[in-house]
Amino acid sequence: MNKVTIWHNPRCSKSREALSLLEQHECEKDIIKYLEKSPDKEQIKVLLKMLGITPRELMRTKEDIYKELELQKEENEERLIEAMVLHPKLIERPILIKGDKAIIARPPSLVEEFLKN
């Protein structure tokens, strides 16, 4: 099985559950605590391409910072990406990456199917 990278927030129950599933499957894993070291713009762009989604679809739109920055009004995708770099709390979680594929593991039951492929 290929190595799996998880963008992980230890305080998030869904992220902890996804990590637990990786451990149950004895996956070789790389844990990225993205709140401690924010991904750069290029990393987010690569991830968006792998996920096949827009920047807004990667964002946690219910976070207070999303509302404070009035990102719901922002049309420029570059600015949305910049907001995620500056405020990684805006990035949806957990994210699993294996090879050239990625998923947002919500619900965590998606982990099982992802590991099979």
PDB file of N, CA and C in Angstrom:
ATOM      1  N   MET A   1       0.849  -1.183   0.000  1.00  0.00           N
ATOM      2  CA  MET A   1       0.000   0.000   0.000  1.00  0.00           C
ATOM      3  C   MET A   1       0.892   1.243   0.000  1.00  0.00           C
ATOM      4  N   ASN A   2       0.500   2.244  -0.762  1.00  0.00           N
ATOM      5  CA  ASN A   2       1.245   3.495  -0.806  1.00  0.00           C
ATOM      6  C   ASN A   2       1.151   4.230   0.527  1.00  0.00           C
ATOM      7  N   LYS A   3       2.118   5.085   0.740  1.00  0.00           N
ATOM      8  CA  LYS A   3       2.101   5.952   1.915  1.00  0.00           C
ATOM      9  C   LYS A   3       0.924   6.917   1.802  1.00  0.00           C
ATOM     10  N   VAL A   4       0.275   7.167   2.927  1.00  0.00           N
ATOM     11  CA  VAL A   4      -0.855   8.089   2.970  1.00  0.00           C
ATOM     12  C   VAL A   4      -0.447   9.299   3.793  1.00  0.00           C
ATOM     13  N   THR A   5      -0.694  10.474   3.246  1.00  0.00           N
ATOM     14  CA  THR A   5      -0.463  11.722   3.976  1.00  0.00           C
ATOM     15  C   THR A   5      -1.813  12.199   4.481  1.00  0.00           C
ATOM     16  N   ILE A   6      -1.857  12.606   5.731  1.00  0.00           N
ATOM     17  CA  ILE A   6      -3.078  13.159   6.295  1.00  0.00           C
ATOM     18  C   ILE A   6      -2.800  14.570   6.789  1.00  0.00           C
ATOM     19  N   TRP A   7      -3.620  15.524   6.320  1.00  0.00           N
ATOM     20  CA  TRP A   7      -3.598  16.873   6.863  1.00  0.00           C
ATOM     21  C   TRP A   7      -4.506  16.787   8.079  1.00  0.00           C
ATOM     22  N   HIS A   8      -3.914  16.888   9.253  1.00  0.00           N
ATOM     23  CA  HIS A   8      -4.562  16.497  10.495  1.00  0.00           C
ATOM     24  C   HIS A   8      -4.654  17.640  11.491  1.00  0.00           C
ATOM     25  N   ASN A   9      -5.804  17.715  12.145  1.00  0.00           N
ATOM     26  CA  ASN A   9      -5.995  18.615  13.272  1.00  0.00           C
ATOM     27  C   ASN A   9      -6.341  17.731  14.471  1.00  0.00           C
ATOM     28  N   PRO A  10      -5.417  17.556  15.420  1.00  0.00           N
ATOM     29  CA  PRO A  10      -5.655  16.668  16.556  1.00  0.00           C
ATOM     30  C   PRO A  10      -6.876  17.037  17.400  1.00  0.00           C
ATOM     31  N   ARG A  11      -7.332  18.273  17.327  1.00  0.00           N
ATOM     32  CA  ARG A  11      -8.485  18.710  18.116  1.00  0.00           C
ATOM     33  C   ARG A  11      -9.816  18.356  17.453  1.00  0.00           C
ATOM     34  N   CYS A  12      -9.772  17.905  16.211  1.00  0.00           N
ATOM     35  CA  CYS A  12     -10.985  17.591  15.444  1.00  0.00           C
ATOM     36  C   CYS A  12     -11.310  16.099  15.564  1.00  0.00           C
ATOM     37  N   SER A  13     -12.519  15.790  15.992  1.00  0.00           N
ATOM     38  CA  SER A  13     -12.899  14.384  16.175  1.00  0.00           C
ATOM     39  C   SER A  13     -12.896  13.616  14.854  1.00  0.00           C
ATOM     40  N   LYS A  14     -13.314  14.246  13.771  1.00  0.00           N
ATOM     41  CA  LYS A  14     -13.325  13.571  12.463  1.00  0.00           C
ATOM     42  C   LYS A  14     -11.896  13.280  12.002  1.00  0.00           C
ATOM     43  N   SER A  15     -11.003  14.202  12.270  1.00  0.00           N
ATOM     44  CA  SER A  15      -9.605  14.018  11.899  1.00  0.00           C
ATOM     45  C   SER A  15      -8.982  12.895  12.734  1.00  0.00           C
ATOM     46  N   ARG A  16      -9.278  12.878  14.016  1.00  0.00           N
ATOM     47  CA  ARG A  16      -8.768  11.807  14.884  1.00  0.00           C
ATOM     48  C   ARG A  16      -9.314  10.451  14.445  1.00  0.00           C
ATOM     49  N   GLU A  17     -10.581  10.424  14.053  1.00  0.00           N
ATOM     50  CA  GLU A  17     -11.196   9.184  13.598  1.00  0.00           C
ATOM     51  C   GLU A  17     -10.541   8.684  12.308  1.00  0.00           C
ATOM     52  N   ALA A  18     -10.270   9.591  11.382  1.00  0.00           N
ATOM     53  CA  ALA A  18      -9.606   9.208  10.131  1.00  0.00           C
ATOM     54  C   ALA A  18      -8.202   8.667  10.419  1.00  0.00           C
ATOM     55  N   LEU A  19      -7.466   9.321  11.305  1.00  0.00           N
ATOM     56  CA  LEU A  19      -6.130   8.867  11.666  1.00  0.00           C
ATOM     57  C   LEU A  19      -6.193   7.479  12.311  1.00  0.00           C
ATOM     58  N   SER A  20      -7.175   7.264  13.148  1.00  0.00           N
ATOM     59  CA  SER A  20      -7.358   5.958  13.787  1.00  0.00           C
ATOM     60  C   SER A  20      -7.602   4.868  12.740  1.00  0.00           C
ATOM     61  N   LEU A  21      -8.391   5.182  11.720  1.00  0.00           N
ATOM     62  CA  LEU A  21      -8.641   4.215  10.645  1.00  0.00           C
ATOM     63  C   LEU A  21      -7.356   3.891   9.889  1.00  0.00           C
ATOM     64  N   LEU A  22      -6.525   4.897   9.651  1.00  0.00           N
ATOM     65  CA  LEU A  22      -5.235   4.649   9.002  1.00  0.00           C
ATOM     66  C   LEU A  22      -4.380   3.725   9.862  1.00  0.00           C
ATOM     67  N   GLU A  23      -4.405   3.962  11.161  1.00  0.00           N
ATOM     68  CA  GLU A  23      -3.622   3.125  12.069  1.00  0.00           C
ATOM     69  C   GLU A  23      -4.157   1.697  12.108  1.00  0.00           C
ATOM     70  N   GLN A  24      -5.480   1.534  12.086  1.00  0.00           N
ATOM     71  CA  GLN A  24      -6.086   0.198  12.071  1.00  0.00           C
ATOM     72  C   GLN A  24      -5.665  -0.576  10.823  1.00  0.00           C
ATOM     73  N   HIS A  25      -5.500   0.129   9.709  1.00  0.00           N
ATOM     74  CA  HIS A  25      -5.093  -0.504   8.458  1.00  0.00           C
ATOM     75  C   HIS A  25      -3.574  -0.618   8.348  1.00  0.00           C
ATOM     76  N   GLU A  26      -2.895  -0.185   9.407  1.00  0.00           N
ATOM     77  CA  GLU A  26      -1.438  -0.242   9.458  1.00  0.00           C
ATOM     78  C   GLU A  26      -0.786   0.422   8.236  1.00  0.00           C
ATOM     79  N   CYS A  27      -1.342   1.553   7.879  1.00  0.00           N
ATOM     80  CA  CYS A  27      -0.821   2.315   6.738  1.00  0.00           C
ATOM     81  C   CYS A  27       0.462   3.043   7.134  1.00  0.00           C
ATOM     82  N   GLU A  28       1.379   3.095   6.183  1.00  0.00           N
ATOM     83  CA  GLU A  28       2.520   3.985   6.355  1.00  0.00           C
ATOM     84  C   GLU A  28       1.965   5.381   6.146  1.00  0.00           C
ATOM     85  N   LYS A  29       2.204   6.270   7.088  1.00  0.00           N
ATOM     86  CA  LYS A  29       1.554   7.581   7.006  1.00  0.00           C
ATOM     87  C   LYS A  29       2.511   8.718   7.345  1.00  0.00           C
ATOM     88  N   ASP A  30       2.169   9.847   6.795  1.00  0.00           N
ATOM     89  CA  ASP A  30       2.859  11.093   7.070  1.00  0.00           C
ATOM     90  C   ASP A  30       1.790  12.032   7.613  1.00  0.00           C
ATOM     91  N   ILE A  31       1.956  12.485   8.837  1.00  0.00           N
ATOM     92  CA  ILE A  31       0.961  13.336   9.484  1.00  0.00           C
ATOM     93  C   ILE A  31       1.405  14.782   9.384  1.00  0.00           C
ATOM     94  N   ILE A  32       0.590  15.581   8.720  1.00  0.00           N
ATOM     95  CA  ILE A  32       0.855  17.010   8.569  1.00  0.00           C
ATOM     96  C   ILE A  32      -0.098  17.762   9.495  1.00  0.00           C
ATOM     97  N   LYS A  33       0.446  18.377  10.517  1.00  0.00           N
ATOM     98  CA  LYS A  33      -0.381  19.195  11.420  1.00  0.00           C
ATOM     99  C   LYS A  33      -0.411  20.605  10.825  1.00  0.00           C
ATOM    100  N   TYR A  34      -1.310  20.776   9.881  1.00  0.00           N
ATOM    101  CA  TYR A  34      -1.320  21.975   9.052  1.00  0.00           C
ATOM    102  C   TYR A  34      -1.652  23.254   9.808  1.00  0.00           C
ATOM    103  N   LEU A  35      -2.195  23.142  11.020  1.00  0.00           N
ATOM    104  CA  LEU A  35      -2.444  24.347  11.806  1.00  0.00           C
ATOM    105  C   LEU A  35      -1.149  24.873  12.427  1.00  0.00           C
ATOM    106  N   GLU A  36      -0.176  23.979  12.606  1.00  0.00           N
ATOM    107  CA  GLU A  36       1.118  24.381  13.171  1.00  0.00           C
ATOM    108  C   GLU A  36       2.037  24.960  12.104  1.00  0.00           C
ATOM    109  N   LYS A  37       1.991  24.394  10.913  1.00  0.00           N
ATOM    110  CA  LYS A  37       2.791  24.899   9.793  1.00  0.00           C
ATOM    111  C   LYS A  37       1.877  24.961   8.579  1.00  0.00           C
ATOM    112  N   SER A  38       1.417  26.148   8.313  1.00  0.00           N
ATOM    113  CA  SER A  38       0.438  26.353   7.246  1.00  0.00           C
ATOM    114  C   SER A  38       1.002  25.965   5.876  1.00  0.00           C
ATOM    115  N   PRO A  39       0.196  25.306   5.061  1.00  0.00           N
ATOM    116  CA  PRO A  39       0.652  25.015   3.695  1.00  0.00           C
ATOM    117  C   PRO A  39       0.797  26.319   2.908  1.00  0.00           C
ATOM    118  N   ASP A  40       1.676  26.310   1.914  1.00  0.00           N
ATOM    119  CA  ASP A  40       1.826  27.506   1.084  1.00  0.00           C
ATOM    120  C   ASP A  40       0.826  27.462  -0.067  1.00  0.00           C
ATOM    121  N   LYS A  41       0.811  28.538  -0.837  1.00  0.00           N
ATOM    122  CA  LYS A  41      -0.155  28.655  -1.943  1.00  0.00           C
ATOM    123  C   LYS A  41      -0.025  27.510  -2.935  1.00  0.00           C
ATOM    124  N   GLU A  42       1.204  27.152  -3.262  1.00  0.00           N
ATOM    125  CA  GLU A  42       1.415  26.097  -4.252  1.00  0.00           C
ATOM    126  C   GLU A  42       0.898  24.754  -3.743  1.00  0.00           C
ATOM    127  N   GLN A  43       1.133  24.458  -2.472  1.00  0.00           N
ATOM    128  CA  GLN A  43       0.630  23.206  -1.900  1.00  0.00           C
ATOM    129  C   GLN A  43      -0.896  23.151  -1.954  1.00  0.00           C
ATOM    130  N   ILE A  44      -1.529  24.258  -1.657  1.00  0.00           N
ATOM    131  CA  ILE A  44      -2.997  24.296  -1.701  1.00  0.00           C
ATOM    132  C   ILE A  44      -3.492  24.149  -3.135  1.00  0.00           C
ATOM    133  N   LYS A  45      -2.814  24.790  -4.084  1.00  0.00           N
ATOM    134  CA  LYS A  45      -3.221  24.670  -5.488  1.00  0.00           C
ATOM    135  C   LYS A  45      -3.094  23.228  -5.985  1.00  0.00           C
ATOM    136  N   VAL A  46      -2.010  22.557  -5.616  1.00  0.00           N
ATOM    137  CA  VAL A  46      -1.821  21.151  -5.999  1.00  0.00           C
ATOM    138  C   VAL A  46      -2.932  20.307  -5.381  1.00  0.00           C
ATOM    139  N   LEU A  47      -3.220  20.556  -4.117  1.00  0.00           N
ATOM    140  CA  LEU A  47      -4.277  19.812  -3.434  1.00  0.00           C
ATOM    141  C   LEU A  47      -5.626  20.034  -4.105  1.00  0.00           C
ATOM    142  N   LEU A  48      -5.936  21.268  -4.447  1.00  0.00           N
ATOM    143  CA  LEU A  48      -7.210  21.563  -5.113  1.00  0.00           C
ATOM    144  C   LEU A  48      -7.336  20.789  -6.424  1.00  0.00           C
ATOM    145  N   LYS A  49      -6.235  20.729  -7.161  1.00  0.00           N
ATOM    146  CA  LYS A  49      -6.236  19.991  -8.423  1.00  0.00           C
ATOM    147  C   LYS A  49      -6.483  18.497  -8.174  1.00  0.00           C
ATOM    148  N   MET A  50      -5.825  17.949  -7.155  1.00  0.00           N
ATOM    149  CA  MET A  50      -6.004  16.536  -6.827  1.00  0.00           C
ATOM    150  C   MET A  50      -7.440  16.245  -6.400  1.00  0.00           C
ATOM    151  N   LEU A  51      -8.022  17.165  -5.642  1.00  0.00           N
ATOM    152  CA  LEU A  51      -9.385  16.985  -5.161  1.00  0.00           C
ATOM    153  C   LEU A  51     -10.425  17.284  -6.245  1.00  0.00           C
ATOM    154  N   GLY A  52     -10.024  18.094  -7.233  1.00  0.00           N
ATOM    155  CA  GLY A  52     -10.957  18.477  -8.291  1.00  0.00           C
ATOM    156  C   GLY A  52     -12.055  19.413  -7.794  1.00  0.00           C
ATOM    157  N   ILE A  53     -11.667  20.316  -6.873  1.00  0.00           N
ATOM    158  CA  ILE A  53     -12.646  21.253  -6.314  1.00  0.00           C
ATOM    159  C   ILE A  53     -12.117  22.683  -6.385  1.00  0.00           C
ATOM    160  N   THR A  54     -12.995  23.624  -6.078  1.00  0.00           N
ATOM    161  CA  THR A  54     -12.629  25.038  -6.044  1.00  0.00           C
ATOM    162  C   THR A  54     -12.093  25.392  -4.662  1.00  0.00           C
ATOM    163  N   PRO A  55     -11.401  26.524  -4.555  1.00  0.00           N
ATOM    164  CA  PRO A  55     -10.927  26.944  -3.238  1.00  0.00           C
ATOM    165  C   PRO A  55     -12.057  27.049  -2.207  1.00  0.00           C
ATOM    166  N   ARG A  56     -13.189  27.593  -2.609  1.00  0.00           N
ATOM    167  CA  ARG A  56     -14.294  27.745  -1.647  1.00  0.00           C
ATOM    168  C   ARG A  56     -14.771  26.385  -1.133  1.00  0.00           C
ATOM    169  N   GLU A  57     -14.740  25.377  -1.986  1.00  0.00           N
ATOM    170  CA  GLU A  57     -15.179  24.042  -1.569  1.00  0.00           C
ATOM    171  C   GLU A  57     -14.220  23.417  -0.556  1.00  0.00           C
ATOM    172  N   LEU A  58     -13.012  23.925  -0.475  1.00  0.00           N
ATOM    173  CA  LEU A  58     -12.029  23.437   0.498  1.00  0.00           C
ATOM    174  C   LEU A  58     -12.142  24.181   1.825  1.00  0.00           C
ATOM    175  N   MET A  59     -12.962  25.221   1.854  1.00  0.00           N
ATOM    176  CA  MET A  59     -13.019  26.087   3.031  1.00  0.00           C
ATOM    177  C   MET A  59     -14.121  25.692   4.001  1.00  0.00           C
ATOM    178  N   ARG A  60     -13.808  25.921   5.269  1.00  0.00           N
ATOM    179  CA  ARG A  60     -14.785  25.743   6.343  1.00  0.00           C
ATOM    180  C   ARG A  60     -15.544  27.067   6.468  1.00  0.00           C
ATOM    181  N   THR A  61     -16.670  27.134   5.798  1.00  0.00           N
ATOM    182  CA  THR A  61     -17.418  28.391   5.680  1.00  0.00           C
ATOM    183  C   THR A  61     -18.154  28.789   6.961  1.00  0.00           C
ATOM    184  N   LYS A  62     -18.195  27.901   7.937  1.00  0.00           N
ATOM    185  CA  LYS A  62     -18.880  28.235   9.194  1.00  0.00           C
ATOM    186  C   LYS A  62     -17.925  28.779  10.253  1.00  0.00           C
ATOM    187  N   GLU A  63     -16.631  28.813   9.935  1.00  0.00           N
ATOM    188  CA  GLU A  63     -15.652  29.355  10.877  1.00  0.00           C
ATOM    189  C   GLU A  63     -15.868  30.862  11.047  1.00  0.00           C
ATOM    190  N   ASP A  64     -15.661  31.352  12.259  1.00  0.00           N
ATOM    191  CA  ASP A  64     -15.822  32.786  12.531  1.00  0.00           C
ATOM    192  C   ASP A  64     -14.932  33.625  11.632  1.00  0.00           C
ATOM    193  N   ILE A  65     -13.685  33.172  11.395  1.00  0.00           N
ATOM    194  CA  ILE A  65     -12.746  33.955  10.585  1.00  0.00           C
ATOM    195  C   ILE A  65     -13.258  34.110   9.153  1.00  0.00           C
ATOM    196  N   TYR A  66     -13.980  33.113   8.654  1.00  0.00           N
ATOM    197  CA  TYR A  66     -14.568  33.194   7.313  1.00  0.00           C
ATOM    198  C   TYR A  66     -15.537  34.373   7.258  1.00  0.00           C
ATOM    199  N   LYS A  67     -16.354  34.497   8.291  1.00  0.00           N
ATOM    200  CA  LYS A  67     -17.336  35.585   8.348  1.00  0.00           C
ATOM    201  C   LYS A  67     -16.661  36.928   8.608  1.00  0.00           C
ATOM    202  N   GLU A  68     -15.681  36.924   9.528  1.00  0.00           N
ATOM    203  CA  GLU A  68     -14.971  38.161   9.864  1.00  0.00           C
ATOM    204  C   GLU A  68     -14.282  38.763   8.638  1.00  0.00           C
ATOM    205  N   LEU A  69     -13.685  37.901   7.814  1.00  0.00           N
ATOM    206  CA  LEU A  69     -12.984  38.368   6.618  1.00  0.00           C
ATOM    207  C   LEU A  69     -13.933  38.597   5.437  1.00  0.00           C
ATOM    208  N   GLU A  70     -15.214  38.318   5.653  1.00  0.00           N
ATOM    209  CA  GLU A  70     -16.253  38.469   4.621  1.00  0.00           C
ATOM    210  C   GLU A  70     -15.897  37.702   3.356  1.00  0.00           C
ATOM    211  N   LEU A  71     -15.400  36.490   3.540  1.00  0.00           N
ATOM    212  CA  LEU A  71     -14.974  35.685   2.392  1.00  0.00           C
ATOM    213  C   LEU A  71     -16.135  35.211   1.540  1.00  0.00           C
ATOM    214  N   GLN A  72     -17.339  35.229   2.094  1.00  0.00           N
ATOM    215  CA  GLN A  72     -18.506  34.855   1.302  1.00  0.00           C
ATOM    216  C   GLN A  72     -18.699  35.822   0.129  1.00  0.00           C
ATOM    217  N   LYS A  73     -18.157  37.033   0.233  1.00  0.00           N
ATOM    218  CA  LYS A  73     -18.263  38.039  -0.835  1.00  0.00           C
ATOM    219  C   LYS A  73     -17.099  37.968  -1.817  1.00  0.00           C
ATOM    220  N   GLU A  74     -16.042  37.226  -1.460  1.00  0.00           N
ATOM    221  CA  GLU A  74     -14.824  37.189  -2.277  1.00  0.00           C
ATOM    222  C   GLU A  74     -15.016  36.316  -3.513  1.00  0.00           C
ATOM    223  N   GLU A  75     -14.749  36.893  -4.676  1.00  0.00           N
ATOM    224  CA  GLU A  75     -14.878  36.171  -5.945  1.00  0.00           C
ATOM    225  C   GLU A  75     -13.526  35.662  -6.462  1.00  0.00           C
ATOM    226  N   ASN A  76     -12.444  36.308  -6.038  1.00  0.00           N
ATOM    227  CA  ASN A  76     -11.113  35.996  -6.533  1.00  0.00           C
ATOM    228  C   ASN A  76     -10.567  34.732  -5.842  1.00  0.00           C
ATOM    229  N   GLU A  77     -10.361  33.679  -6.623  1.00  0.00           N
ATOM    230  CA  GLU A  77      -9.900  32.411  -6.059  1.00  0.00           C
ATOM    231  C   GLU A  77      -8.505  32.514  -5.452  1.00  0.00           C
ATOM    232  N   GLU A  78      -7.643  33.365  -6.032  1.00  0.00           N
ATOM    233  CA  GLU A  78      -6.298  33.568  -5.469  1.00  0.00           C
ATOM    234  C   GLU A  78      -6.393  34.127  -4.053  1.00  0.00           C
ATOM    235  N   ARG A  79      -7.336  35.033  -3.839  1.00  0.00           N
ATOM    236  CA  ARG A  79      -7.496  35.623  -2.502  1.00  0.00           C
ATOM    237  C   ARG A  79      -8.046  34.598  -1.512  1.00  0.00           C
ATOM    238  N   LEU A  80      -8.899  33.698  -1.990  1.00  0.00           N
ATOM    239  CA  LEU A  80      -9.401  32.640  -1.115  1.00  0.00           C
ATOM    240  C   LEU A  80      -8.252  31.716  -0.695  1.00  0.00           C
ATOM    241  N   ILE A  81      -7.386  31.398  -1.644  1.00  0.00           N
ATOM    242  CA  ILE A  81      -6.222  30.557  -1.334  1.00  0.00           C
ATOM    243  C   ILE A  81      -5.311  31.284  -0.348  1.00  0.00           C
ATOM    244  N   GLU A  82      -5.076  32.562  -0.571  1.00  0.00           N
ATOM    245  CA  GLU A  82      -4.245  33.350   0.339  1.00  0.00           C
ATOM    246  C   GLU A  82      -4.837  33.357   1.748  1.00  0.00           C
ATOM    247  N   ALA A  83      -6.156  33.435   1.840  1.00  0.00           N
ATOM    248  CA  ALA A  83      -6.816  33.414   3.149  1.00  0.00           C
ATOM    249  C   ALA A  83      -6.550  32.090   3.859  1.00  0.00           C
ATOM    250  N   MET A  84      -6.551  30.983   3.108  1.00  0.00           N
ATOM    251  CA  MET A  84      -6.272  29.674   3.723  1.00  0.00           C
ATOM    252  C   MET A  84      -4.822  29.571   4.174  1.00  0.00           C
ATOM    253  N   VAL A  85      -3.903  30.194   3.426  1.00  0.00           N
ATOM    254  CA  VAL A  85      -2.490  30.195   3.831  1.00  0.00           C
ATOM    255  C   VAL A  85      -2.337  30.972   5.142  1.00  0.00           C
ATOM    256  N   LEU A  86      -2.979  32.123   5.211  1.00  0.00           N
ATOM    257  CA  LEU A  86      -2.866  32.969   6.400  1.00  0.00           C
ATOM    258  C   LEU A  86      -3.667  32.441   7.584  1.00  0.00           C
ATOM    259  N   HIS A  87      -4.750  31.726   7.293  1.00  0.00           N
ATOM    260  CA  HIS A  87      -5.649  31.221   8.332  1.00  0.00           C
ATOM    261  C   HIS A  87      -5.973  29.751   8.031  1.00  0.00           C
ATOM    262  N   PRO A  88      -5.033  28.852   8.306  1.00  0.00           N
ATOM    263  CA  PRO A  88      -5.238  27.448   7.938  1.00  0.00           C
ATOM    264  C   PRO A  88      -6.447  26.797   8.604  1.00  0.00           C
ATOM    265  N   LYS A  89      -6.974  27.430   9.640  1.00  0.00           N
ATOM    266  CA  LYS A  89      -8.190  26.929  10.273  1.00  0.00           C
ATOM    267  C   LYS A  89      -9.353  26.883   9.276  1.00  0.00           C
ATOM    268  N   LEU A  90      -9.235  27.662   8.204  1.00  0.00           N
ATOM    269  CA  LEU A  90     -10.264  27.697   7.158  1.00  0.00           C
ATOM    270  C   LEU A  90     -10.272  26.436   6.291  1.00  0.00           C
ATOM    271  N   ILE A  91      -9.209  25.650   6.336  1.00  0.00           N
ATOM    272  CA  ILE A  91      -9.092  24.474   5.469  1.00  0.00           C
ATOM    273  C   ILE A  91      -9.905  23.324   6.054  1.00  0.00           C
ATOM    274  N   GLU A  92     -10.751  22.748   5.211  1.00  0.00           N
ATOM    275  CA  GLU A  92     -11.548  21.591   5.620  1.00  0.00           C
ATOM    276  C   GLU A  92     -10.624  20.453   6.009  1.00  0.00           C
ATOM    277  N   ARG A  93     -11.088  19.592   6.880  1.00  0.00           N
ATOM    278  CA  ARG A  93     -10.280  18.482   7.370  1.00  0.00           C
ATOM    279  C   ARG A  93     -11.140  17.278   7.665  1.00  0.00           C
ATOM    280  N   PRO A  94     -10.531  16.138   7.770  1.00  0.00           N
ATOM    281  CA  PRO A  94      -9.163  15.787   7.420  1.00  0.00           C
ATOM    282  C   PRO A  94      -9.030  15.559   5.919  1.00  0.00           C
ATOM    283  N   ILE A  95      -7.827  15.732   5.426  1.00  0.00           N
ATOM    284  CA  ILE A  95      -7.534  15.486   4.009  1.00  0.00           C
ATOM    285  C   ILE A  95      -6.550  14.330   3.945  1.00  0.00           C
ATOM    286  N   LEU A  96      -6.853  13.371   3.088  1.00  0.00           N
ATOM    287  CA  LEU A  96      -5.957  12.244   2.870  1.00  0.00           C
ATOM    288  C   LEU A  96      -5.413  12.324   1.460  1.00  0.00           C
ATOM    289  N   ILE A  97      -4.119  12.045   1.312  1.00  0.00           N
ATOM    290  CA  ILE A  97      -3.460  12.063   0.008  1.00  0.00           C
ATOM    291  C   ILE A  97      -2.714  10.748  -0.146  1.00  0.00           C
ATOM    292  N   LYS A  98      -2.923  10.119  -1.290  1.00  0.00           N
ATOM    293  CA  LYS A  98      -2.205   8.874  -1.611  1.00  0.00           C
ATOM    294  C   LYS A  98      -1.867   8.935  -3.089  1.00  0.00           C
ATOM    295  N   GLY A  99      -0.568   8.978  -3.386  1.00  0.00           N
ATOM    296  CA  GLY A  99      -0.153   9.100  -4.780  1.00  0.00           C
ATOM    297  C   GLY A  99      -0.650  10.416  -5.345  1.00  0.00           C
ATOM    298  N   ASP A 100      -1.412  10.337  -6.438  1.00  0.00           N
ATOM    299  CA  ASP A 100      -1.941  11.557  -7.063  1.00  0.00           C
ATOM    300  C   ASP A 100      -3.422  11.748  -6.778  1.00  0.00           C
ATOM    301  N   LYS A 101      -3.923  11.077  -5.733  1.00  0.00           N
ATOM    302  CA  LYS A 101      -5.336  11.181  -5.365  1.00  0.00           C
ATOM    303  C   LYS A 101      -5.467  11.747  -3.967  1.00  0.00           C
ATOM    304  N   ALA A 102      -6.567  12.441  -3.746  1.00  0.00           N
ATOM    305  CA  ALA A 102      -6.832  13.022  -2.431  1.00  0.00           C
ATOM    306  C   ALA A 102      -8.333  13.020  -2.179  1.00  0.00           C
ATOM    307  N   ILE A 103      -8.688  13.010  -0.892  1.00  0.00           N
ATOM    308  CA  ILE A 103     -10.088  13.162  -0.500  1.00  0.00           C
ATOM    309  C   ILE A 103     -10.158  14.008   0.767  1.00  0.00           C
ATOM    310  N   ILE A 104     -11.299  14.628   0.940  1.00  0.00           N
ATOM    311  CA  ILE A 104     -11.652  15.200   2.232  1.00  0.00           C
ATOM    312  C   ILE A 104     -12.425  14.078   2.914  1.00  0.00           C
ATOM    313  N   ALA A 105     -11.880  13.556   3.987  1.00  0.00           N
ATOM    314  CA  ALA A 105     -12.433  12.361   4.626  1.00  0.00           C
ATOM    315  C   ALA A 105     -13.575  12.704   5.582  1.00  0.00           C
ATOM    316  N   ARG A 106     -14.605  13.270   5.040  1.00  0.00           N
ATOM    317  CA  ARG A 106     -15.840  13.577   5.768  1.00  0.00           C
ATOM    318  C   ARG A 106     -16.989  12.959   5.002  1.00  0.00           C
ATOM    319  N   PRO A 107     -17.649  12.021   5.560  1.00  0.00           N
ATOM    320  CA  PRO A 107     -17.423  11.412   6.863  1.00  0.00           C
ATOM    321  C   PRO A 107     -16.204  10.486   6.823  1.00  0.00           C
ATOM    322  N   PRO A 108     -15.677  10.130   7.991  1.00  0.00           N
ATOM    323  CA  PRO A 108     -14.495   9.271   8.043  1.00  0.00           C
ATOM    324  C   PRO A 108     -14.682   7.908   7.371  1.00  0.00           C
ATOM    325  N   SER A 109     -15.919   7.484   7.173  1.00  0.00           N
ATOM    326  CA  SER A 109     -16.159   6.206   6.490  1.00  0.00           C
ATOM    327  C   SER A 109     -15.592   6.214   5.072  1.00  0.00           C
ATOM    328  N   LEU A 110     -15.330   7.384   4.505  1.00  0.00           N
ATOM    329  CA  LEU A 110     -14.738   7.486   3.167  1.00  0.00           C
ATOM    330  C   LEU A 110     -13.299   6.957   3.147  1.00  0.00           C
ATOM    331  N   VAL A 111     -12.666   6.896   4.318  1.00  0.00           N
ATOM    332  CA  VAL A 111     -11.278   6.431   4.407  1.00  0.00           C
ATOM    333  C   VAL A 111     -11.170   4.990   3.891  1.00  0.00           C
ATOM    334  N   GLU A 112     -12.094   4.133   4.283  1.00  0.00           N
ATOM    335  CA  GLU A 112     -12.061   2.727   3.889  1.00  0.00           C
ATOM    336  C   GLU A 112     -11.993   2.575   2.356  1.00  0.00           C
ATOM    337  N   GLU A 113     -12.888   3.241   1.680  1.00  0.00           N
ATOM    338  CA  GLU A 113     -12.949   3.157   0.216  1.00  0.00           C
ATOM    339  C   GLU A 113     -11.680   3.747  -0.408  1.00  0.00           C
ATOM    340  N   PHE A 114     -11.219   4.868   0.140  1.00  0.00           N
ATOM    341  CA  PHE A 114     -10.016   5.512  -0.385  1.00  0.00           C
ATOM    342  C   PHE A 114      -8.814   4.593  -0.292  1.00  0.00           C
ATOM    343  N   LEU A 115      -8.694   3.862   0.799  1.00  0.00           N
ATOM    344  CA  LEU A 115      -7.542   2.979   0.982  1.00  0.00           C
ATOM    345  C   LEU A 115      -7.569   1.786   0.035  1.00  0.00           C
ATOM    346  N   LYS A 116      -8.745   1.402  -0.420  1.00  0.00           N
ATOM    347  CA  LYS A 116      -8.868   0.260  -1.347  1.00  0.00           C
ATOM    348  C   LYS A 116      -8.359   0.617  -2.735  1.00  0.00           C
ATOM    349  N   ASN A 117      -8.476   1.860  -3.118  1.00  0.00           N
ATOM    350  CA  ASN A 117      -8.100   2.284  -4.486  1.00  0.00           C
ATOM    351  C   ASN A 117      -6.641   2.632  -4.600  1.00  0.00           C
TER     352      ASN A 117
END
